[in-house]
């Protein structure tokens, strides 16, 4: 991690990587575009 921060000219810090990791964990690494099928599945799940 320190090497990557150095390569990126210290643009990123360990804190940024920790926040990014936390965000990805909350999203369960699901970062695809939503489709109609995705929306309908969520709607049906929450409309019950």
N, C-alpha and C. Protein backbone atom coordinates (compact mmCIF):
# COMPACT_ATOMS: atom_id res chain seq x y z
N UNK A 1 0.82 -1.18 0.00
CA UNK A 1 0.00 0.00 0.00
C UNK A 1 0.87 1.25 0.00
N UNK A 2 1.91 1.24 0.80
CA UNK A 2 2.79 2.40 0.86
C UNK A 2 3.45 2.65 -0.49
N UNK A 3 3.83 1.55 -1.17
CA UNK A 3 4.44 1.69 -2.50
C UNK A 3 3.46 2.32 -3.48
N UNK A 4 2.20 1.89 -3.43
CA UNK A 4 1.20 2.46 -4.34
C UNK A 4 1.00 3.94 -4.06
N UNK A 5 0.94 4.33 -2.79
CA UNK A 5 0.81 5.75 -2.45
C UNK A 5 2.00 6.53 -3.00
N UNK A 6 3.18 5.94 -2.90
CA UNK A 6 4.38 6.61 -3.41
C UNK A 6 4.32 6.73 -4.93
N UNK A 7 3.92 5.65 -5.61
CA UNK A 7 3.82 5.67 -7.07
C UNK A 7 2.79 6.70 -7.54
N UNK A 8 1.71 6.84 -6.77
CA UNK A 8 0.66 7.80 -7.13
C UNK A 8 1.03 9.21 -6.69
N UNK A 9 2.29 9.43 -6.36
CA UNK A 9 2.79 10.74 -5.95
C UNK A 9 2.04 11.25 -4.72
N UNK A 10 1.75 10.33 -3.81
CA UNK A 10 1.04 10.63 -2.56
C UNK A 10 -0.31 11.32 -2.78
N UNK A 11 -0.90 11.07 -3.94
CA UNK A 11 -2.25 11.57 -4.20
C UNK A 11 -3.25 10.85 -3.32
N UNK A 12 -3.00 9.58 -3.10
CA UNK A 12 -3.86 8.77 -2.25
C UNK A 12 -3.15 8.50 -0.94
N UNK A 13 -3.94 8.32 0.09
CA UNK A 13 -3.37 7.98 1.39
C UNK A 13 -4.00 6.66 1.84
N UNK A 14 -3.44 6.10 2.91
CA UNK A 14 -4.00 4.86 3.44
C UNK A 14 -5.46 5.06 3.85
N UNK A 15 -5.78 6.25 4.35
CA UNK A 15 -7.14 6.52 4.79
C UNK A 15 -8.12 6.44 3.62
N UNK A 16 -7.72 6.93 2.45
CA UNK A 16 -8.58 6.86 1.26
C UNK A 16 -8.83 5.40 0.89
N UNK A 17 -7.79 4.59 0.94
CA UNK A 17 -7.95 3.18 0.61
C UNK A 17 -8.85 2.47 1.62
N UNK A 18 -8.73 2.84 2.89
CA UNK A 18 -9.60 2.24 3.91
C UNK A 18 -11.06 2.62 3.67
N UNK A 19 -11.30 3.87 3.32
CA UNK A 19 -12.67 4.31 3.04
C UNK A 19 -13.21 3.60 1.81
N UNK A 20 -12.38 3.46 0.78
CA UNK A 20 -12.80 2.76 -0.43
C UNK A 20 -13.13 1.30 -0.12
N UNK A 21 -12.31 0.67 0.68
CA UNK A 21 -12.56 -0.71 1.07
C UNK A 21 -13.87 -0.84 1.84
N UNK A 22 -14.12 0.10 2.74
CA UNK A 22 -15.37 0.09 3.50
C UNK A 22 -16.58 0.25 2.59
N UNK A 23 -16.48 1.14 1.63
CA UNK A 23 -17.57 1.36 0.68
C UNK A 23 -17.85 0.10 -0.13
N UNK A 24 -16.79 -0.52 -0.62
CA UNK A 24 -16.96 -1.75 -1.41
C UNK A 24 -17.57 -2.87 -0.57
N UNK A 25 -17.19 -2.95 0.69
CA UNK A 25 -17.78 -3.98 1.56
C UNK A 25 -19.26 -3.74 1.78
N UNK A 26 -19.65 -2.48 1.98
CA UNK A 26 -21.07 -2.17 2.16
C UNK A 26 -21.86 -2.51 0.90
N UNK A 27 -21.27 -2.24 -0.26
CA UNK A 27 -21.94 -2.53 -1.53
C UNK A 27 -21.82 -4.00 -1.92
N UNK A 28 -21.11 -4.78 -1.11
CA UNK A 28 -20.86 -6.19 -1.39
C UNK A 28 -20.24 -6.37 -2.77
N UNK A 29 -19.42 -5.41 -3.16
CA UNK A 29 -18.69 -5.41 -4.43
C UNK A 29 -19.61 -5.46 -5.64
N UNK A 30 -20.88 -5.07 -5.47
CA UNK A 30 -21.83 -5.02 -6.58
C UNK A 30 -21.84 -3.59 -7.13
N UNK A 31 -21.08 -3.38 -8.20
CA UNK A 31 -20.94 -2.04 -8.74
C UNK A 31 -21.35 -1.98 -10.20
N UNK A 32 -22.27 -2.82 -10.60
CA UNK A 32 -22.71 -2.81 -11.99
C UNK A 32 -23.85 -1.82 -12.15
N UNK A 33 -24.14 -1.48 -13.38
CA UNK A 33 -25.26 -0.60 -13.65
C UNK A 33 -26.57 -1.32 -13.38
N UNK A 34 -27.51 -0.61 -12.82
CA UNK A 34 -28.82 -1.20 -12.56
C UNK A 34 -29.57 -1.38 -13.86
N UNK A 35 -30.28 -2.49 -13.95
CA UNK A 35 -31.11 -2.76 -15.11
C UNK A 35 -32.56 -2.81 -14.66
N UNK A 36 -33.45 -2.91 -15.59
CA UNK A 36 -34.87 -3.03 -15.26
C UNK A 36 -35.09 -4.27 -14.41
N UNK A 37 -34.43 -5.35 -14.74
CA UNK A 37 -34.57 -6.59 -13.99
C UNK A 37 -34.12 -6.40 -12.54
N UNK A 38 -33.02 -5.71 -12.34
CA UNK A 38 -32.52 -5.43 -11.00
C UNK A 38 -33.53 -4.60 -10.22
N UNK A 39 -34.06 -3.56 -10.86
CA UNK A 39 -35.04 -2.70 -10.20
C UNK A 39 -36.28 -3.49 -9.82
N UNK A 40 -36.78 -4.32 -10.74
CA UNK A 40 -37.99 -5.09 -10.46
C UNK A 40 -37.77 -6.08 -9.31
N UNK A 41 -36.61 -6.71 -9.26
CA UNK A 41 -36.32 -7.62 -8.15
C UNK A 41 -36.35 -6.88 -6.82
N UNK A 42 -35.72 -5.72 -6.77
CA UNK A 42 -35.71 -4.94 -5.53
C UNK A 42 -37.11 -4.47 -5.18
N UNK A 43 -37.86 -4.02 -6.18
CA UNK A 43 -39.21 -3.52 -5.95
C UNK A 43 -40.10 -4.62 -5.37
N UNK A 44 -40.04 -5.81 -5.99
CA UNK A 44 -40.87 -6.92 -5.51
C UNK A 44 -40.46 -7.33 -4.10
N UNK A 45 -39.15 -7.34 -3.82
CA UNK A 45 -38.68 -7.72 -2.49
C UNK A 45 -39.20 -6.76 -1.43
N UNK A 46 -39.18 -5.46 -1.72
CA UNK A 46 -39.58 -4.48 -0.71
C UNK A 46 -41.06 -4.17 -0.72
N UNK A 47 -41.77 -4.55 -1.77
CA UNK A 47 -43.20 -4.26 -1.85
C UNK A 47 -44.04 -5.28 -1.08
N UNK A 48 -43.43 -6.38 -0.67
CA UNK A 48 -44.20 -7.41 0.04
C UNK A 48 -44.71 -6.92 1.37
